[in-house]
């Protein structure tokens, strides 16, 4: 009798759900949200497997990693397309589609900021092609005859696209394109300008802590141009091929999971400002946004998660 029970218990044991950790904070934030819900609500243990993008996708293809919560598929179409075609993994949900990357300006330049005594200096600045009209606002401190655009880091794929747009729209006639040495340098430049209420134009992306902390507006293209390929894309949740059969209830939950860049921006800003962990940011999200996540899971799971995060 005891031996028989032991055998059944072993066969019924739930294998841990392993999440991909490819190294960026918004992915870790989503891993923690899903992990809390899966552990508390469905009784599975969870883990995160850290690795390079290539190593992560090998893990998903081979079944060593079960879930990728934030797949930027347009950045890796060869890997993604091949894996989907071969059935190595499958898309289960669109996590968010309101992300953006490109050139940004502080919103106070367009709308002003009465609380800070800032007047709108460029109320009609909407498109990248409008920039030459405002070059004097963005004067390059090393070349007063031109404005300055803060670009991306040399070596990043996005830098090639940004520079192509810079030339495509003829901005090289009125602006210098500056490549900072690091992402920290981009953010330091933006932070200094923003806190002083000064004009700034340059590269950034979301979800990102700095976009969550500061009110920024992206500059658009009037017609589809070089920036279109990076501006926005569907960010998906992907699971390895074995998960739907092994954990159908978890797969169903992940299929209902949907958020936004704004949610991640706020969480990343919270992490930056308070030195919180991704887990603490996830708990905060779950405590403050019941109207969102309770739509993803059955009522009995809702109650278990609420008990866990109280």
Protein backbone atom coordinates (compact mmCIF):
# COMPACT_ATOMS: atom_id res chain seq x y z
CA UNK A 1 0.00 0.00 0.00
CA UNK A 2 2.73 2.44 0.96
CA UNK A 3 4.81 1.52 -2.07
CA UNK A 4 1.80 1.99 -4.34
CA UNK A 5 1.05 5.48 -2.94
CA UNK A 6 4.68 6.43 -3.33
CA UNK A 7 4.62 5.47 -7.00
CA UNK A 8 1.46 7.47 -7.65
CA UNK A 9 2.78 10.51 -5.80
CA UNK A 10 5.93 10.42 -7.86
CA UNK A 11 4.07 10.20 -11.16
CA UNK A 12 1.74 13.04 -10.19
CA UNK A 13 4.55 15.35 -9.13
CA UNK A 14 4.44 18.65 -11.02
CA UNK A 15 7.64 19.54 -12.78
CA UNK A 16 8.88 23.11 -12.17
CA UNK A 17 8.01 25.78 -14.74
CA UNK A 18 11.24 27.37 -15.99
CA UNK A 19 11.26 30.96 -17.28
CA UNK A 20 13.79 32.52 -19.64
CA UNK A 21 15.91 35.32 -18.20
CA UNK A 22 17.67 36.94 -21.15
CA UNK A 23 18.98 39.82 -19.08
CA UNK A 24 16.58 42.77 -19.13
CA UNK A 25 14.46 44.12 -16.28
CA UNK A 26 11.02 44.20 -17.89
CA UNK A 27 11.33 40.49 -18.73
CA UNK A 28 12.27 39.73 -15.11
CA UNK A 29 9.28 41.78 -13.91
CA UNK A 30 6.90 39.69 -16.04
CA UNK A 31 8.63 36.49 -14.93
CA UNK A 32 7.95 37.39 -11.32
CA UNK A 33 4.28 38.24 -11.90
CA UNK A 34 3.68 34.96 -13.71
CA UNK A 35 5.81 33.07 -11.21
CA UNK A 36 3.82 34.29 -8.21
CA UNK A 37 0.53 33.36 -9.88
CA UNK A 38 1.77 29.93 -11.00
CA UNK A 39 3.27 29.03 -7.63
CA UNK A 40 0.46 30.33 -5.42
CA UNK A 41 -2.44 29.63 -7.75
CA UNK A 42 -1.48 26.42 -9.50
CA UNK A 43 0.96 24.74 -7.11
CA UNK A 44 3.98 24.56 -9.39
CA UNK A 45 7.48 25.55 -8.42
CA UNK A 46 9.11 28.05 -10.78
CA UNK A 47 12.67 28.93 -11.73
CA UNK A 48 14.47 31.35 -14.05
CA UNK A 49 17.24 30.25 -16.39
CA UNK A 50 19.74 33.00 -17.23
CA UNK A 51 21.63 33.10 -20.48
CA UNK A 52 22.39 34.92 -23.70
CA UNK A 53 19.64 35.28 -26.27
CA UNK A 54 21.06 32.36 -28.26
CA UNK A 55 21.37 30.11 -25.19
CA UNK A 56 17.84 30.94 -24.09
CA UNK A 57 16.36 29.97 -27.45
CA UNK A 58 18.33 26.73 -27.54
CA UNK A 59 16.87 26.00 -24.09
CA UNK A 60 13.32 26.67 -25.29
CA UNK A 61 13.81 24.54 -28.42
CA UNK A 62 15.16 21.66 -26.35
CA UNK A 63 12.54 21.97 -23.62
CA UNK A 64 14.91 23.02 -20.84
CA UNK A 65 13.15 26.40 -20.64
CA UNK A 66 9.36 26.46 -20.66
CA UNK A 67 8.33 30.10 -21.01
CA UNK A 68 9.61 33.33 -22.53
CA UNK A 69 7.44 36.20 -21.30
CA UNK A 70 8.73 38.98 -23.58
CA UNK A 71 9.69 37.92 -27.08
CA UNK A 72 10.82 40.76 -29.36
CA UNK A 73 10.36 38.58 -32.42
CA UNK A 74 11.26 41.26 -34.99
CA UNK A 75 14.76 41.32 -33.48
CA UNK A 76 15.28 37.59 -34.09
CA UNK A 77 13.10 36.55 -36.99
CA UNK A 78 15.43 33.74 -38.14
CA UNK A 79 15.32 31.99 -34.76
CA UNK A 80 11.66 32.76 -34.14
CA UNK A 81 10.38 31.86 -37.59
CA UNK A 82 12.31 28.59 -37.71
CA UNK A 83 11.18 27.55 -34.23
CA UNK A 84 7.52 28.29 -34.90
CA UNK A 85 7.65 26.46 -38.25
CA UNK A 86 9.36 23.42 -36.72
CA UNK A 87 6.95 23.33 -33.76
CA UNK A 88 9.74 23.73 -31.21
CA UNK A 89 7.69 26.37 -29.42
CA UNK A 90 4.44 28.25 -29.86
CA UNK A 91 3.02 31.69 -29.26
CA UNK A 92 0.32 31.69 -26.58
CA UNK A 93 -0.34 35.41 -26.05
CA UNK A 94 0.39 38.98 -27.06
CA UNK A 95 1.91 40.45 -23.91
CA UNK A 96 1.88 44.05 -25.18
CA UNK A 97 1.98 45.98 -28.44
CA UNK A 98 2.28 49.62 -27.33
CA UNK A 99 6.06 49.57 -27.09
CA UNK A 100 8.13 52.07 -29.04
CA UNK A 101 11.70 52.96 -29.90
CA UNK A 102 13.02 55.88 -31.84
CA UNK A 103 13.59 59.60 -31.27
CA UNK A 104 11.90 61.22 -28.26
CA UNK A 105 11.48 64.73 -26.85
CA UNK A 106 10.26 65.81 -23.40
CA UNK A 107 6.51 66.36 -23.50
CA UNK A 108 6.90 69.75 -21.80
CA UNK A 109 8.39 71.05 -25.03
CA UNK A 110 4.99 70.53 -26.68
CA UNK A 111 2.57 71.08 -23.81
CA UNK A 112 4.58 73.07 -21.28
CA UNK A 113 4.58 72.28 -17.57
CA UNK A 114 2.80 74.98 -15.52
CA UNK A 115 3.86 73.43 -12.21
CA UNK A 116 7.51 73.87 -13.17
CA UNK A 117 6.96 77.20 -14.91
CA UNK A 118 7.88 75.76 -18.32
CA UNK A 119 6.29 77.22 -21.42
CA UNK A 120 5.73 75.11 -24.55
CA UNK A 121 8.58 75.99 -26.91
CA UNK A 122 7.67 73.59 -29.74
CA UNK A 123 3.88 73.05 -29.65
CA UNK A 124 3.77 71.89 -33.27
CA UNK A 125 6.74 69.52 -33.14
CA UNK A 126 5.25 66.14 -33.99
CA UNK A 127 7.21 64.54 -36.81
CA UNK A 128 10.89 63.80 -37.36
CA UNK A 129 10.65 65.98 -40.45
CA UNK A 130 9.67 68.97 -38.26
CA UNK A 131 13.03 68.97 -36.48
CA UNK A 132 14.91 71.36 -38.85
CA UNK A 133 12.45 74.13 -37.91
CA UNK A 134 13.57 73.78 -34.28
CA UNK A 135 17.31 73.19 -34.66
CA UNK A 136 18.16 76.28 -32.59
CA UNK A 137 16.34 74.79 -29.58
CA UNK A 138 18.66 71.78 -29.67
CA UNK A 139 21.90 73.67 -30.27
CA UNK A 140 24.99 71.48 -30.26
CA UNK A 141 27.29 72.90 -27.53
CA UNK A 142 30.29 72.02 -29.71
CA UNK A 143 28.86 73.40 -32.98
CA UNK A 144 26.45 76.32 -32.59
CA UNK A 145 25.52 76.22 -36.29
CA UNK A 146 23.63 72.96 -35.85
CA UNK A 147 21.37 71.16 -33.43
CA UNK A 148 22.35 67.93 -31.73
CA UNK A 149 20.52 64.61 -31.77
CA UNK A 150 21.51 62.02 -29.19
CA UNK A 151 21.72 58.75 -31.07
CA UNK A 152 22.22 55.17 -29.99
CA UNK A 153 25.39 53.38 -29.01
CA UNK A 154 27.76 52.50 -31.82
CA UNK A 155 27.46 48.78 -32.51
CA UNK A 156 23.80 48.47 -31.63
CA UNK A 157 21.65 47.41 -34.60
CA UNK A 158 19.23 50.23 -33.86
CA UNK A 159 22.04 52.78 -34.29
CA UNK A 160 22.37 51.86 -37.96
CA UNK A 161 18.63 52.39 -38.45
CA UNK A 162 18.58 55.69 -36.57
CA UNK A 163 21.50 57.01 -38.56
CA UNK A 164 19.84 55.90 -41.79
CA UNK A 165 16.75 57.90 -40.79
CA UNK A 166 18.94 60.88 -39.87
CA UNK A 167 20.35 60.92 -43.41
CA UNK A 168 17.10 59.87 -45.12
CA UNK A 169 15.27 62.91 -43.73
CA UNK A 170 18.17 65.28 -44.44
CA UNK A 171 18.72 66.03 -40.78
CA UNK A 172 22.46 65.95 -41.38
CA UNK A 173 22.09 69.43 -42.90
CA UNK A 174 20.85 70.98 -39.65
CA UNK A 175 21.83 68.52 -36.90
CA UNK A 176 24.87 66.63 -35.70
CA UNK A 177 24.30 63.01 -34.70
CA UNK A 178 26.02 62.20 -31.39
CA UNK A 179 26.73 58.63 -30.29
CA UNK A 180 27.11 58.33 -26.49
CA UNK A 181 29.43 55.66 -25.20
CA UNK A 182 26.81 53.81 -23.17
CA UNK A 183 23.11 53.61 -22.40
CA UNK A 184 23.89 55.25 -19.06
CA UNK A 185 25.30 58.22 -20.97
CA UNK A 186 22.11 58.53 -23.03
CA UNK A 187 20.02 58.50 -19.87
CA UNK A 188 22.36 60.93 -18.07
CA UNK A 189 22.01 63.40 -20.94
CA UNK A 190 18.22 63.08 -20.86
CA UNK A 191 18.04 63.30 -17.07
CA UNK A 192 20.12 66.48 -16.93
CA UNK A 193 18.03 68.19 -19.61
CA UNK A 194 14.73 67.05 -18.14
CA UNK A 195 15.48 68.12 -14.59
CA UNK A 196 16.56 71.53 -15.90
CA UNK A 197 13.49 71.83 -18.12
CA UNK A 198 15.64 72.13 -21.23
CA UNK A 199 15.06 70.92 -24.82
CA UNK A 200 16.37 67.45 -25.66
CA UNK A 201 15.98 65.11 -28.62
CA UNK A 202 17.41 61.65 -28.86
CA UNK A 203 17.04 57.92 -28.86
CA UNK A 204 15.19 55.91 -26.27
CA UNK A 205 12.77 53.02 -26.06
CA UNK A 206 10.01 51.56 -23.94
CA UNK A 207 9.38 49.77 -21.72
CA UNK A 208 12.24 51.43 -19.86
CA UNK A 209 12.62 52.97 -16.42
CA UNK A 210 13.48 56.43 -17.76
CA UNK A 211 10.32 56.57 -19.90
CA UNK A 212 8.38 55.51 -16.82
CA UNK A 213 10.01 58.26 -14.75
CA UNK A 214 9.79 61.11 -17.28
CA UNK A 215 6.96 62.24 -19.55
CA UNK A 216 8.38 61.81 -23.05
CA UNK A 217 6.81 61.95 -26.51
CA UNK A 218 8.09 60.02 -29.52
CA UNK A 219 8.60 61.83 -32.80
CA UNK A 220 6.71 60.07 -35.60
CA UNK A 221 7.19 59.56 -39.32
CA UNK A 222 4.55 61.18 -41.55
CA UNK A 223 4.88 58.26 -43.94
CA UNK A 224 6.54 54.89 -43.48
CA UNK A 225 10.29 55.33 -43.50
CA UNK A 226 13.45 53.82 -41.97
CA UNK A 227 12.14 54.03 -38.40
CA UNK A 228 9.08 51.91 -39.16
CA UNK A 229 10.98 48.64 -38.80
CA UNK A 230 11.93 49.41 -35.19
CA UNK A 231 9.16 51.74 -34.02
CA UNK A 232 6.77 49.19 -32.58
CA UNK A 233 6.21 45.46 -32.66
CA UNK A 234 4.08 42.74 -31.09
CA UNK A 235 5.78 41.44 -27.94
CA UNK A 236 4.69 37.86 -27.45
CA UNK A 237 4.67 35.12 -24.83
CA UNK A 238 6.09 31.85 -26.14
CA UNK A 239 6.10 28.39 -24.53
CA UNK A 240 8.08 25.28 -25.36
CA UNK A 241 6.21 22.57 -27.27
CA UNK A 242 5.76 20.24 -24.27
CA UNK A 243 4.17 22.74 -21.88
CA UNK A 244 0.55 22.69 -23.16
CA UNK A 245 0.31 18.94 -22.48
CA UNK A 246 2.35 19.00 -19.27
CA UNK A 247 0.65 22.04 -17.71
CA UNK A 248 -2.51 22.92 -19.66
CA UNK A 249 -3.90 25.13 -16.90
CA UNK A 250 -0.67 27.16 -16.78
CA UNK A 251 -0.67 27.45 -20.57
CA UNK A 252 -4.26 28.70 -20.46
CA UNK A 253 -3.30 31.33 -17.88
CA UNK A 254 -0.35 32.48 -20.00
CA UNK A 255 -2.70 32.66 -22.97
CA UNK A 256 -4.79 35.21 -21.07
CA UNK A 257 -1.80 37.26 -19.88
CA UNK A 258 -1.76 40.73 -21.43
CA UNK A 259 -0.25 43.97 -20.17
CA UNK A 260 1.18 47.18 -21.65
CA UNK A 261 4.40 49.14 -21.93
CA UNK A 262 2.94 51.65 -19.48
CA UNK A 263 2.64 48.94 -16.82
CA UNK A 264 6.27 47.92 -17.30
CA UNK A 265 7.46 51.56 -17.46
CA UNK A 266 5.87 52.25 -14.07
CA UNK A 267 7.33 49.09 -12.55
CA UNK A 268 10.82 49.81 -13.86
CA UNK A 269 10.65 53.40 -12.61
CA UNK A 270 9.62 52.04 -9.18
CA UNK A 271 12.60 49.67 -9.22
CA UNK A 272 14.95 52.50 -10.21
CA UNK A 273 13.66 55.01 -7.66
CA UNK A 274 13.36 52.68 -4.65
CA UNK A 275 16.01 50.06 -5.42
CA UNK A 276 13.24 47.45 -5.27
CA UNK A 277 13.62 43.97 -6.72
CA UNK A 278 11.65 42.69 -9.70
CA UNK A 279 9.77 40.44 -7.25
CA UNK A 280 8.78 43.42 -5.09
CA UNK A 281 7.62 45.31 -8.18
CA UNK A 282 5.53 42.29 -9.21
CA UNK A 283 3.88 42.10 -5.79
CA UNK A 284 3.12 45.81 -5.96
CA UNK A 285 1.54 45.34 -9.38
CA UNK A 286 -0.62 42.45 -8.18
CA UNK A 287 -1.75 44.36 -5.09
CA UNK A 288 -2.67 47.51 -7.00
CA UNK A 289 -4.07 46.09 -10.25
CA UNK A 290 -6.57 43.40 -9.37
CA UNK A 291 -8.87 44.54 -12.17
CA UNK A 292 -6.22 43.48 -14.68
CA UNK A 293 -4.74 40.19 -13.49
CA UNK A 294 -7.91 38.69 -12.04
CA UNK A 295 -9.19 38.48 -15.63
CA UNK A 296 -6.40 36.04 -16.46
CA UNK A 297 -7.25 33.25 -14.01
CA UNK A 298 -10.21 31.42 -12.39
CA UNK A 299 -11.68 32.68 -9.13
CA UNK A 300 -10.08 29.94 -7.02
CA UNK A 301 -6.66 30.98 -8.31
CA UNK A 302 -7.46 34.64 -7.60
CA UNK A 303 -8.13 33.84 -3.95
CA UNK A 304 -4.90 31.84 -3.55
CA UNK A 305 -2.82 34.62 -5.09
CA UNK A 306 -4.46 37.25 -2.89
CA UNK A 307 -3.56 35.21 0.19
CA UNK A 308 0.03 34.98 -1.00
CA UNK A 309 0.52 38.72 -1.55
CA UNK A 310 -1.29 40.05 1.52
